[in-house]
Amino acid sequence: MSKNPVKPFQNIDIVLVRPLRPGNIGSAARAMKNMGFSSLSLVDACNHLVSEAYQMAYGAHDVLEGAKHYATLSEASSVPTLNGLPVLTYREILVFLLKCNFSI
């Protein structure tokens, strides 16, 4: 096994827009970490560095603490890693995966 494992999702940024509860952000961070994602951006978010978020982000505190903050979605979209990429809802992602016959 190589010392530098391939990280296929290192250039993908997950963006949460107006998350209302810190626990939701923590849950997203944990799910991201479990699936191999590590870059989280928050747009117009509540304070997420509180105990509720940390509890939900068990094992993914690095993702939670490394989240980037933006005031607006257009500000987040101006970041080169996001520029030109579509913003998809959770439902749109599920439909895409189902059409591609990915198991979810």
PDB file of N, CA and C in Angstrom:
ATOM      1  N   MET A   1       0.852  -1.180   0.000  1.00  0.00           N
ATOM      2  CA  MET A   1       0.000   0.000   0.000  1.00  0.00           C
ATOM      3  C   MET A   1       0.895   1.241   0.000  1.00  0.00           C
ATOM      4  N   SER A   2       0.518   2.227  -0.789  1.00  0.00           N
ATOM      5  CA  SER A   2       1.334   3.432  -0.890  1.00  0.00           C
ATOM      6  C   SER A   2       1.203   4.280   0.369  1.00  0.00           C
ATOM      7  N   LYS A   3       2.223   5.089   0.609  1.00  0.00           N
ATOM      8  CA  LYS A   3       2.212   5.961   1.776  1.00  0.00           C
ATOM      9  C   LYS A   3       1.279   7.148   1.590  1.00  0.00           C
ATOM     10  N   ASN A   4       1.020   7.525   0.351  1.00  0.00           N
ATOM     11  CA  ASN A   4       0.134   8.645   0.040  1.00  0.00           C
ATOM     12  C   ASN A   4      -1.123   8.125  -0.638  1.00  0.00           C
ATOM     13  N   PRO A   5      -2.146   7.793   0.148  1.00  0.00           N
ATOM     14  CA  PRO A   5      -3.364   7.266  -0.462  1.00  0.00           C
ATOM     15  C   PRO A   5      -4.042   8.302  -1.357  1.00  0.00           C
ATOM     16  N   VAL A   6      -4.694   7.823  -2.399  1.00  0.00           N
ATOM     17  CA  VAL A   6      -5.413   8.700  -3.314  1.00  0.00           C
ATOM     18  C   VAL A   6      -6.633   9.256  -2.586  1.00  0.00           C
ATOM     19  N   LYS A   7      -6.850  10.548  -2.729  1.00  0.00           N
ATOM     20  CA  LYS A   7      -8.013  11.202  -2.127  1.00  0.00           C
ATOM     21  C   LYS A   7      -8.870  11.765  -3.257  1.00  0.00           C
ATOM     22  N   PRO A   8      -9.796  10.955  -3.765  1.00  0.00           N
ATOM     23  CA  PRO A   8     -10.558  11.383  -4.945  1.00  0.00           C
ATOM     24  C   PRO A   8     -11.459  12.584  -4.727  1.00  0.00           C
ATOM     25  N   PHE A   9     -11.817  12.884  -3.492  1.00  0.00           N
ATOM     26  CA  PHE A   9     -12.752  13.975  -3.232  1.00  0.00           C
ATOM     27  C   PHE A   9     -12.084  15.213  -2.664  1.00  0.00           C
ATOM     28  N   GLN A  10     -10.764  15.304  -2.743  1.00  0.00           N
ATOM     29  CA  GLN A  10     -10.060  16.421  -2.122  1.00  0.00           C
ATOM     30  C   GLN A  10     -10.369  17.765  -2.779  1.00  0.00           C
ATOM     31  N   ASN A  11     -10.824  17.774  -4.019  1.00  0.00           N
ATOM     32  CA  ASN A  11     -11.129  19.035  -4.706  1.00  0.00           C
ATOM     33  C   ASN A  11     -12.616  19.366  -4.708  1.00  0.00           C
ATOM     34  N   ILE A  12     -13.403  18.605  -3.953  1.00  0.00           N
ATOM     35  CA  ILE A  12     -14.839  18.849  -3.891  1.00  0.00           C
ATOM     36  C   ILE A  12     -15.168  19.520  -2.566  1.00  0.00           C
ATOM     37  N   ASP A  13     -15.880  20.623  -2.663  1.00  0.00           N
ATOM     38  CA  ASP A  13     -16.256  21.382  -1.482  1.00  0.00           C
ATOM     39  C   ASP A  13     -17.748  21.218  -1.244  1.00  0.00           C
ATOM     40  N   ILE A  14     -18.121  20.765  -0.058  1.00  0.00           N
ATOM     41  CA  ILE A  14     -19.529  20.650   0.307  1.00  0.00           C
ATOM     42  C   ILE A  14     -19.954  21.985   0.908  1.00  0.00           C
ATOM     43  N   VAL A  15     -21.046  22.549   0.383  1.00  0.00           N
ATOM     44  CA  VAL A  15     -21.507  23.868   0.822  1.00  0.00           C
ATOM     45  C   VAL A  15     -22.871  23.731   1.487  1.00  0.00           C
ATOM     46  N   LEU A  16     -22.962  24.175   2.730  1.00  0.00           N
ATOM     47  CA  LEU A  16     -24.240  24.223   3.431  1.00  0.00           C
ATOM     48  C   LEU A  16     -24.695  25.682   3.474  1.00  0.00           C
ATOM     49  N   VAL A  17     -25.906  25.932   2.997  1.00  0.00           N
ATOM     50  CA  VAL A  17     -26.436  27.293   2.937  1.00  0.00           C
ATOM     51  C   VAL A  17     -27.491  27.472   4.028  1.00  0.00           C
ATOM     52  N   ARG A  18     -27.249  28.441   4.882  1.00  0.00           N
ATOM     53  CA  ARG A  18     -28.129  28.809   5.989  1.00  0.00           C
ATOM     54  C   ARG A  18     -28.519  27.630   6.888  1.00  0.00           C
ATOM     55  N   PRO A  19     -27.561  26.825   7.310  1.00  0.00           N
ATOM     56  CA  PRO A  19     -27.931  25.767   8.257  1.00  0.00           C
ATOM     57  C   PRO A  19     -28.389  26.413   9.564  1.00  0.00           C
ATOM     58  N   LEU A  20     -29.471  25.902  10.122  1.00  0.00           N
ATOM     59  CA  LEU A  20     -30.077  26.541  11.282  1.00  0.00           C
ATOM     60  C   LEU A  20     -29.550  26.041  12.617  1.00  0.00           C
ATOM     61  N   ARG A  21     -29.128  24.790  12.661  1.00  0.00           N
ATOM     62  CA  ARG A  21     -28.715  24.195  13.925  1.00  0.00           C
ATOM     63  C   ARG A  21     -27.277  23.703  13.862  1.00  0.00           C
ATOM     64  N   PRO A  22     -26.510  23.944  14.903  1.00  0.00           N
ATOM     65  CA  PRO A  22     -25.129  23.473  14.933  1.00  0.00           C
ATOM     66  C   PRO A  22     -25.026  21.956  14.783  1.00  0.00           C
ATOM     67  N   GLY A  23     -26.017  21.235  15.312  1.00  0.00           N
ATOM     68  CA  GLY A  23     -26.005  19.778  15.195  1.00  0.00           C
ATOM     69  C   GLY A  23     -26.082  19.307  13.757  1.00  0.00           C
ATOM     70  N   ASN A  24     -26.812  20.045  12.926  1.00  0.00           N
ATOM     71  CA  ASN A  24     -26.896  19.683  11.508  1.00  0.00           C
ATOM     72  C   ASN A  24     -25.540  19.839  10.830  1.00  0.00           C
ATOM     73  N   ILE A  25     -24.814  20.861  11.197  1.00  0.00           N
ATOM     74  CA  ILE A  25     -23.487  21.081  10.630  1.00  0.00           C
ATOM     75  C   ILE A  25     -22.552  19.972  11.097  1.00  0.00           C
ATOM     76  N   GLY A  26     -22.641  19.615  12.379  1.00  0.00           N
ATOM     77  CA  GLY A  26     -21.823  18.529  12.902  1.00  0.00           C
ATOM     78  C   GLY A  26     -22.130  17.208  12.230  1.00  0.00           C
ATOM     79  N   SER A  27     -23.409  16.933  12.005  1.00  0.00           N
ATOM     80  CA  SER A  27     -23.810  15.696  11.326  1.00  0.00           C
ATOM     81  C   SER A  27     -23.286  15.661   9.899  1.00  0.00           C
ATOM     82  N   ALA A  28     -23.353  16.786   9.229  1.00  0.00           N
ATOM     83  CA  ALA A  28     -22.837  16.859   7.860  1.00  0.00           C
ATOM     84  C   ALA A  28     -21.333  16.619   7.843  1.00  0.00           C
ATOM     85  N   ALA A  29     -20.629  17.191   8.820  1.00  0.00           N
ATOM     86  CA  ALA A  29     -19.178  16.994   8.895  1.00  0.00           C
ATOM     87  C   ALA A  29     -18.839  15.520   9.094  1.00  0.00           C
ATOM     88  N   ARG A  30     -19.580  14.859   9.955  1.00  0.00           N
ATOM     89  CA  ARG A  30     -19.327  13.430  10.202  1.00  0.00           C
ATOM     90  C   ARG A  30     -19.623  12.593   8.957  1.00  0.00           C
ATOM     91  N   ALA A  31     -20.733  12.869   8.294  1.00  0.00           N
ATOM     92  CA  ALA A  31     -21.069  12.141   7.069  1.00  0.00           C
ATOM     93  C   ALA A  31     -20.010  12.382   5.996  1.00  0.00           C
ATOM     94  N   MET A  32     -19.562  13.614   5.889  1.00  0.00           N
ATOM     95  CA  MET A  32     -18.524  13.940   4.906  1.00  0.00           C
ATOM     96  C   MET A  32     -17.266  13.128   5.178  1.00  0.00           C
ATOM     97  N   LYS A  33     -16.829  13.119   6.417  1.00  0.00           N
ATOM     98  CA  LYS A  33     -15.602  12.406   6.787  1.00  0.00           C
ATOM     99  C   LYS A  33     -15.753  10.914   6.486  1.00  0.00           C
ATOM    100  N   ASN A  34     -16.918  10.348   6.793  1.00  0.00           N
ATOM    101  CA  ASN A  34     -17.160   8.926   6.524  1.00  0.00           C
ATOM    102  C   ASN A  34     -17.094   8.595   5.042  1.00  0.00           C
ATOM    103  N   MET A  35     -17.437   9.555   4.194  1.00  0.00           N
ATOM    104  CA  MET A  35     -17.453   9.331   2.753  1.00  0.00           C
ATOM    105  C   MET A  35     -16.182   9.803   2.055  1.00  0.00           C
ATOM    106  N   GLY A  36     -15.238  10.350   2.797  1.00  0.00           N
ATOM    107  CA  GLY A  36     -13.967  10.751   2.213  1.00  0.00           C
ATOM    108  C   GLY A  36     -13.853  12.211   1.820  1.00  0.00           C
ATOM    109  N   PHE A  37     -14.850  13.018   2.178  1.00  0.00           N
ATOM    110  CA  PHE A  37     -14.806  14.452   1.894  1.00  0.00           C
ATOM    111  C   PHE A  37     -14.213  15.183   3.098  1.00  0.00           C
ATOM    112  N   SER A  38     -13.562  16.313   2.849  1.00  0.00           N
ATOM    113  CA  SER A  38     -12.970  17.030   3.971  1.00  0.00           C
ATOM    114  C   SER A  38     -13.151  18.541   3.905  1.00  0.00           C
ATOM    115  N   SER A  39     -13.639  19.063   2.800  1.00  0.00           N
ATOM    116  CA  SER A  39     -13.747  20.506   2.634  1.00  0.00           C
ATOM    117  C   SER A  39     -15.201  20.951   2.794  1.00  0.00           C
ATOM    118  N   LEU A  40     -15.466  21.687   3.857  1.00  0.00           N
ATOM    119  CA  LEU A  40     -16.812  22.156   4.168  1.00  0.00           C
ATOM    120  C   LEU A  40     -16.853  23.678   4.132  1.00  0.00           C
ATOM    121  N   SER A  41     -17.841  24.229   3.440  1.00  0.00           N
ATOM    122  CA  SER A  41     -18.070  25.674   3.417  1.00  0.00           C
ATOM    123  C   SER A  41     -19.453  25.952   3.974  1.00  0.00           C
ATOM    124  N   LEU A  42     -19.551  27.017   4.760  1.00  0.00           N
ATOM    125  CA  LEU A  42     -20.809  27.406   5.378  1.00  0.00           C
ATOM    126  C   LEU A  42     -21.191  28.807   4.914  1.00  0.00           C
ATOM    127  N   VAL A  43     -22.426  28.941   4.439  1.00  0.00           N
ATOM    128  CA  VAL A  43     -22.928  30.234   3.976  1.00  0.00           C
ATOM    129  C   VAL A  43     -24.010  30.700   4.947  1.00  0.00           C
ATOM    130  N   ASP A  44     -23.807  31.892   5.511  1.00  0.00           N
ATOM    131  CA  ASP A  44     -24.782  32.498   6.424  1.00  0.00           C
ATOM    132  C   ASP A  44     -25.202  31.501   7.506  1.00  0.00           C
ATOM    133  N   ALA A  45     -24.212  30.926   8.179  1.00  0.00           N
ATOM    134  CA  ALA A  45     -24.462  29.842   9.132  1.00  0.00           C
ATOM    135  C   ALA A  45     -24.521  30.343  10.569  1.00  0.00           C
ATOM    136  N   CYS A  46     -25.174  29.549  11.387  1.00  0.00           N
ATOM    137  CA  CYS A  46     -25.186  29.794  12.826  1.00  0.00           C
ATOM    138  C   CYS A  46     -23.800  29.442  13.379  1.00  0.00           C
ATOM    139  N   ASN A  47     -23.563  29.777  14.637  1.00  0.00           N
ATOM    140  CA  ASN A  47     -22.310  29.418  15.284  1.00  0.00           C
ATOM    141  C   ASN A  47     -22.234  27.893  15.361  1.00  0.00           C
ATOM    142  N   HIS A  48     -21.220  27.317  14.740  1.00  0.00           N
ATOM    143  CA  HIS A  48     -21.147  25.858  14.682  1.00  0.00           C
ATOM    144  C   HIS A  48     -20.092  25.257  15.596  1.00  0.00           C
ATOM    145  N   LEU A  49     -19.301  26.072  16.252  1.00  0.00           N
ATOM    146  CA  LEU A  49     -18.266  25.532  17.134  1.00  0.00           C
ATOM    147  C   LEU A  49     -18.771  25.502  18.576  1.00  0.00           C
ATOM    148  N   VAL A  50     -19.847  24.758  18.767  1.00  0.00           N
ATOM    149  CA  VAL A  50     -20.461  24.584  20.080  1.00  0.00           C
ATOM    150  C   VAL A  50     -20.613  23.092  20.357  1.00  0.00           C
ATOM    151  N   SER A  51     -20.924  22.754  21.603  1.00  0.00           N
ATOM    152  CA  SER A  51     -20.939  21.339  22.006  1.00  0.00           C
ATOM    153  C   SER A  51     -21.888  20.481  21.172  1.00  0.00           C
ATOM    154  N   GLU A  52     -23.041  21.001  20.799  1.00  0.00           N
ATOM    155  CA  GLU A  52     -23.998  20.221  19.998  1.00  0.00           C
ATOM    156  C   GLU A  52     -23.368  19.770  18.680  1.00  0.00           C
ATOM    157  N   ALA A  53     -22.658  20.670  18.025  1.00  0.00           N
ATOM    158  CA  ALA A  53     -22.003  20.327  16.756  1.00  0.00           C
ATOM    159  C   ALA A  53     -20.880  19.321  16.971  1.00  0.00           C
ATOM    160  N   TYR A  54     -20.088  19.530  18.007  1.00  0.00           N
ATOM    161  CA  TYR A  54     -18.984  18.606  18.293  1.00  0.00           C
ATOM    162  C   TYR A  54     -19.496  17.203  18.617  1.00  0.00           C
ATOM    163  N   GLN A  55     -20.602  17.114  19.334  1.00  0.00           N
ATOM    164  CA  GLN A  55     -21.176  15.805  19.648  1.00  0.00           C
ATOM    165  C   GLN A  55     -21.614  15.080  18.379  1.00  0.00           C
ATOM    166  N   MET A  56     -22.244  15.810  17.468  1.00  0.00           N
ATOM    167  CA  MET A  56     -22.736  15.201  16.225  1.00  0.00           C
ATOM    168  C   MET A  56     -21.603  14.911  15.240  1.00  0.00           C
ATOM    169  N   ALA A  57     -20.491  15.615  15.387  1.00  0.00           N
ATOM    170  CA  ALA A  57     -19.360  15.458  14.471  1.00  0.00           C
ATOM    171  C   ALA A  57     -18.306  14.504  15.028  1.00  0.00           C
ATOM    172  N   TYR A  58     -18.712  13.556  15.835  1.00  0.00           N
ATOM    173  CA  TYR A  58     -17.771  12.627  16.460  1.00  0.00           C
ATOM    174  C   TYR A  58     -16.836  12.027  15.404  1.00  0.00           C
ATOM    175  N   GLY A  59     -15.557  12.188  15.622  1.00  0.00           N
ATOM    176  CA  GLY A  59     -14.560  11.662  14.684  1.00  0.00           C
ATOM    177  C   GLY A  59     -14.279  12.575  13.506  1.00  0.00           C
ATOM    178  N   ALA A  60     -14.972  13.698  13.431  1.00  0.00           N
ATOM    179  CA  ALA A  60     -14.797  14.609  12.300  1.00  0.00           C
ATOM    180  C   ALA A  60     -14.613  16.047  12.768  1.00  0.00           C
ATOM    181  N   HIS A  61     -14.016  16.206  13.916  1.00  0.00           N
ATOM    182  CA  HIS A  61     -13.809  17.556  14.441  1.00  0.00           C
ATOM    183  C   HIS A  61     -12.906  18.376  13.522  1.00  0.00           C
ATOM    184  N   ASP A  62     -11.981  17.706  12.822  1.00  0.00           N
ATOM    185  CA  ASP A  62     -11.104  18.430  11.897  1.00  0.00           C
ATOM    186  C   ASP A  62     -11.895  19.063  10.759  1.00  0.00           C
ATOM    187  N   VAL A  63     -12.908  18.362  10.260  1.00  0.00           N
ATOM    188  CA  VAL A  63     -13.760  18.910   9.195  1.00  0.00           C
ATOM    189  C   VAL A  63     -14.562  20.082   9.747  1.00  0.00           C
ATOM    190  N   LEU A  64     -15.127  19.912  10.929  1.00  0.00           N
ATOM    191  CA  LEU A  64     -15.929  20.955  11.566  1.00  0.00           C
ATOM    192  C   LEU A  64     -15.104  22.219  11.800  1.00  0.00           C
ATOM    193  N   GLU A  65     -13.933  22.055  12.351  1.00  0.00           N
ATOM    194  CA  GLU A  65     -13.090  23.202  12.678  1.00  0.00           C
ATOM    195  C   GLU A  65     -12.452  23.838  11.444  1.00  0.00           C
ATOM    196  N   GLY A  66     -12.335  23.090  10.369  1.00  0.00           N
ATOM    197  CA  GLY A  66     -11.733  23.618   9.145  1.00  0.00           C
ATOM    198  C   GLY A  66     -12.725  24.254   8.197  1.00  0.00           C
ATOM    199  N   ALA A  67     -13.989  24.329   8.598  1.00  0.00           N
ATOM    200  CA  ALA A  67     -15.027  24.896   7.722  1.00  0.00           C
ATOM    201  C   ALA A  67     -14.712  26.345   7.379  1.00  0.00           C
ATOM    202  N   LYS A  68     -14.947  26.682   6.110  1.00  0.00           N
ATOM    203  CA  LYS A  68     -14.770  28.055   5.639  1.00  0.00           C
ATOM    204  C   LYS A  68     -16.123  28.768   5.735  1.00  0.00           C
ATOM    205  N   HIS A  69     -16.102  30.061   6.013  1.00  0.00           N
ATOM    206  CA  HIS A  69     -17.328  30.828   6.229  1.00  0.00           C
ATOM    207  C   HIS A  69     -17.499  31.892   5.158  1.00  0.00           C
ATOM    208  N   TYR A  70     -18.735  32.022   4.688  1.00  0.00           N
ATOM    209  CA  TYR A  70     -19.074  33.028   3.688  1.00  0.00           C
ATOM    210  C   TYR A  70     -20.396  33.677   4.068  1.00  0.00           C
ATOM    211  N   ALA A  71     -20.542  34.937   3.725  1.00  0.00           N
ATOM    212  CA  ALA A  71     -21.776  35.665   4.021  1.00  0.00           C
ATOM    213  C   ALA A  71     -22.871  35.332   3.015  1.00  0.00           C
ATOM    214  N   THR A  72     -22.485  35.130   1.746  1.00  0.00           N
ATOM    215  CA  THR A  72     -23.468  34.861   0.695  1.00  0.00           C
ATOM    216  C   THR A  72     -23.002  33.699  -0.174  1.00  0.00           C
ATOM    217  N   LEU A  73     -23.939  33.092  -0.886  1.00  0.00           N
ATOM    218  CA  LEU A  73     -23.596  31.995  -1.789  1.00  0.00           C
ATOM    219  C   LEU A  73     -22.749  32.495  -2.944  1.00  0.00           C
ATOM    220  N   SER A  74     -23.008  33.718  -3.421  1.00  0.00           N
ATOM    221  CA  SER A  74     -22.189  34.249  -4.513  1.00  0.00           C
ATOM    222  C   SER A  74     -20.751  34.444  -4.067  1.00  0.00           C
ATOM    223  N   GLU A  75     -20.552  34.812  -2.808  1.00  0.00           N
ATOM    224  CA  GLU A  75     -19.199  34.939  -2.280  1.00  0.00           C
ATOM    225  C   GLU A  75     -18.516  33.565  -2.251  1.00  0.00           C
ATOM    226  N   ALA A  76     -19.224  32.554  -1.818  1.00  0.00           N
ATOM    227  CA  ALA A  76     -18.667  31.194  -1.797  1.00  0.00           C
ATOM    228  C   ALA A  76     -18.419  30.697  -3.212  1.00  0.00           C
ATOM    229  N   SER A  77     -19.284  31.060  -4.146  1.00  0.00           N
ATOM    230  CA  SER A  77     -19.146  30.602  -5.527  1.00  0.00           C
ATOM    231  C   SER A  77     -17.994  31.264  -6.249  1.00  0.00           C
ATOM    232  N   SER A  78     -17.490  32.370  -5.707  1.00  0.00           N
ATOM    233  CA  SER A  78     -16.369  33.052  -6.350  1.00  0.00           C
ATOM    234  C   SER A  78     -15.036  32.385  -6.031  1.00  0.00           C
ATOM    235  N   VAL A  79     -15.048  31.445  -5.093  1.00  0.00           N
ATOM    236  CA  VAL A  79     -13.834  30.698  -4.765  1.00  0.00           C
ATOM    237  C   VAL A  79     -13.501  29.798  -5.953  1.00  0.00           C
ATOM    238  N   PRO A  80     -12.242  29.768  -6.401  1.00  0.00           N
ATOM    239  CA  PRO A  80     -11.890  28.989  -7.592  1.00  0.00           C
ATOM    240  C   PRO A  80     -12.335  27.538  -7.567  1.00  0.00           C
ATOM    241  N   THR A  81     -12.331  26.883  -6.416  1.00  0.00           N
ATOM    242  CA  THR A  81     -12.730  25.476  -6.373  1.00  0.00           C
ATOM    243  C   THR A  81     -14.228  25.291  -6.578  1.00  0.00           C
ATOM    244  N   LEU A  82     -14.996  26.363  -6.417  1.00  0.00           N
ATOM    245  CA  LEU A  82     -16.440  26.271  -6.608  1.00  0.00           C
ATOM    246  C   LEU A  82     -16.899  26.892  -7.920  1.00  0.00           C
ATOM    247  N   ASN A  83     -16.047  27.721  -8.507  1.00  0.00           N
ATOM    248  CA  ASN A  83     -16.434  28.484  -9.683  1.00  0.00           C
ATOM    249  C   ASN A  83     -16.866  27.578 -10.836  1.00  0.00           C
ATOM    250  N   GLY A  84     -18.046  27.833 -11.338  1.00  0.00           N
ATOM    251  CA  GLY A  84     -18.534  27.100 -12.498  1.00  0.00           C
ATOM    252  C   GLY A  84     -19.199  25.784 -12.170  1.00  0.00           C
ATOM    253  N   LEU A  85     -19.141  25.346 -10.939  1.00  0.00           N
ATOM    254  CA  LEU A  85     -19.777  24.086 -10.581  1.00  0.00           C
ATOM    255  C   LEU A  85     -21.218  24.338 -10.169  1.00  0.00           C
ATOM    256  N   PRO A  86     -22.097  23.426 -10.501  1.00  0.00           N
ATOM    257  CA  PRO A  86     -23.493  23.631 -10.134  1.00  0.00           C
ATOM    258  C   PRO A  86     -23.703  23.456  -8.636  1.00  0.00           C
ATOM    259  N   VAL A  87     -24.663  24.175  -8.115  1.00  0.00           N
ATOM    260  CA  VAL A  87     -25.062  23.995  -6.730  1.00  0.00           C
ATOM    261  C   VAL A  87     -26.265  23.060  -6.757  1.00  0.00           C
ATOM    262  N   LEU A  88     -26.123  21.924  -6.103  1.00  0.00           N
ATOM    263  CA  LEU A  88     -27.167  20.913  -6.125  1.00  0.00           C
ATOM    264  C   LEU A  88     -27.801  20.761  -4.753  1.00  0.00           C
ATOM    265  N   THR A  89     -29.089  20.492  -4.756  1.00  0.00           N
ATOM    266  CA  THR A  89     -29.758  20.181  -3.501  1.00  0.00           C
ATOM    267  C   THR A  89     -29.533  18.704  -3.194  1.00  0.00           C
ATOM    268  N   TYR A  90     -29.814  18.323  -1.963  1.00  0.00           N
ATOM    269  CA  TYR A  90     -29.690  16.923  -1.556  1.00  0.00           C
ATOM    270  C   TYR A  90     -30.548  16.035  -2.449  1.00  0.00           C
ATOM    271  N   ARG A  91     -31.758  16.483  -2.749  1.00  0.00           N
ATOM    272  CA  ARG A  91     -32.666  15.706  -3.596  1.00  0.00           C
ATOM    273  C   ARG A  91     -32.088  15.516  -5.000  1.00  0.00           C
ATOM    274  N   GLU A  92     -31.497  16.578  -5.559  1.00  0.00           N
ATOM    275  CA  GLU A  92     -30.901  16.471  -6.895  1.00  0.00           C
ATOM    276  C   GLU A  92     -29.731  15.496  -6.911  1.00  0.00           C
ATOM    277  N   ILE A  93     -28.968  15.467  -5.841  1.00  0.00           N
ATOM    278  CA  ILE A  93     -27.855  14.518  -5.758  1.00  0.00           C
ATOM    279  C   ILE A  93     -28.388  13.094  -5.700  1.00  0.00           C
ATOM    280  N   LEU A  94     -29.437  12.857  -4.904  1.00  0.00           N
ATOM    281  CA  LEU A  94     -30.020  11.517  -4.820  1.00  0.00           C
ATOM    282  C   LEU A  94     -30.563  11.061  -6.166  1.00  0.00           C
ATOM    283  N   VAL A  95     -31.252  11.950  -6.868  1.00  0.00           N
ATOM    284  CA  VAL A  95     -31.792  11.600  -8.190  1.00  0.00           C
ATOM    285  C   VAL A  95     -30.654  11.250  -9.138  1.00  0.00           C
ATOM    286  N   PHE A  96     -29.580  12.021  -9.117  1.00  0.00           N
ATOM    287  CA  PHE A  96     -28.425  11.736  -9.959  1.00  0.00           C
ATOM    288  C   PHE A  96     -27.848  10.359  -9.641  1.00  0.00           C
ATOM    289  N   LEU A  97     -27.663  10.064  -8.373  1.00  0.00           N
ATOM    290  CA  LEU A  97     -27.099   8.773  -7.980  1.00  0.00           C
ATOM    291  C   LEU A  97     -28.005   7.624  -8.406  1.00  0.00           C
ATOM    292  N   LEU A  98     -29.304   7.811  -8.259  1.00  0.00           N
ATOM    293  CA  LEU A  98     -30.235   6.764  -8.672  1.00  0.00           C
ATOM    294  C   LEU A  98     -30.183   6.536 -10.186  1.00  0.00           C
ATOM    295  N   LYS A  99     -30.091   7.603 -10.952  1.00  0.00           N
ATOM    296  CA  LYS A  99     -30.005   7.480 -12.404  1.00  0.00           C
ATOM    297  C   LYS A  99     -28.722   6.792 -12.843  1.00  0.00           C
ATOM    298  N   CYS A 100     -27.675   6.962 -12.043  1.00  0.00           N
ATOM    299  CA  CYS A 100     -26.394   6.332 -12.360  1.00  0.00           C
ATOM    300  C   CYS A 100     -26.258   4.943 -11.763  1.00  0.00           C
ATOM    301  N   ASN A 101     -27.315   4.476 -11.134  1.00  0.00           N
ATOM    302  CA  ASN A 101     -27.349   3.137 -10.510  1.00  0.00           C
ATOM    303  C   ASN A 101     -26.322   2.983  -9.388  1.00  0.00           C
ATOM    304  N   PHE A 102     -26.037   4.077  -8.686  1.00  0.00           N
ATOM    305  CA  PHE A 102     -25.192   3.984  -7.494  1.00  0.00           C
ATOM    306  C   PHE A 102     -26.049   3.523  -6.338  1.00  0.00           C
ATOM    307  N   SER A 103     -25.481   2.711  -5.491  1.00  0.00           N
ATOM    308  CA  SER A 103     -26.238   2.324  -4.307  1.00  0.00           C
ATOM    309  C   SER A 103     -26.115   3.435  -3.270  1.00  0.00           C
ATOM    310  N   ILE A 104     -27.227   3.716  -2.591  1.00  0.00           N
ATOM    311  CA  ILE A 104     -27.215   4.773  -1.575  1.00  0.00           C
ATOM    312  C   ILE A 104     -27.798   4.235  -0.293  1.00  0.00           C
TER     313      ILE A 104
END
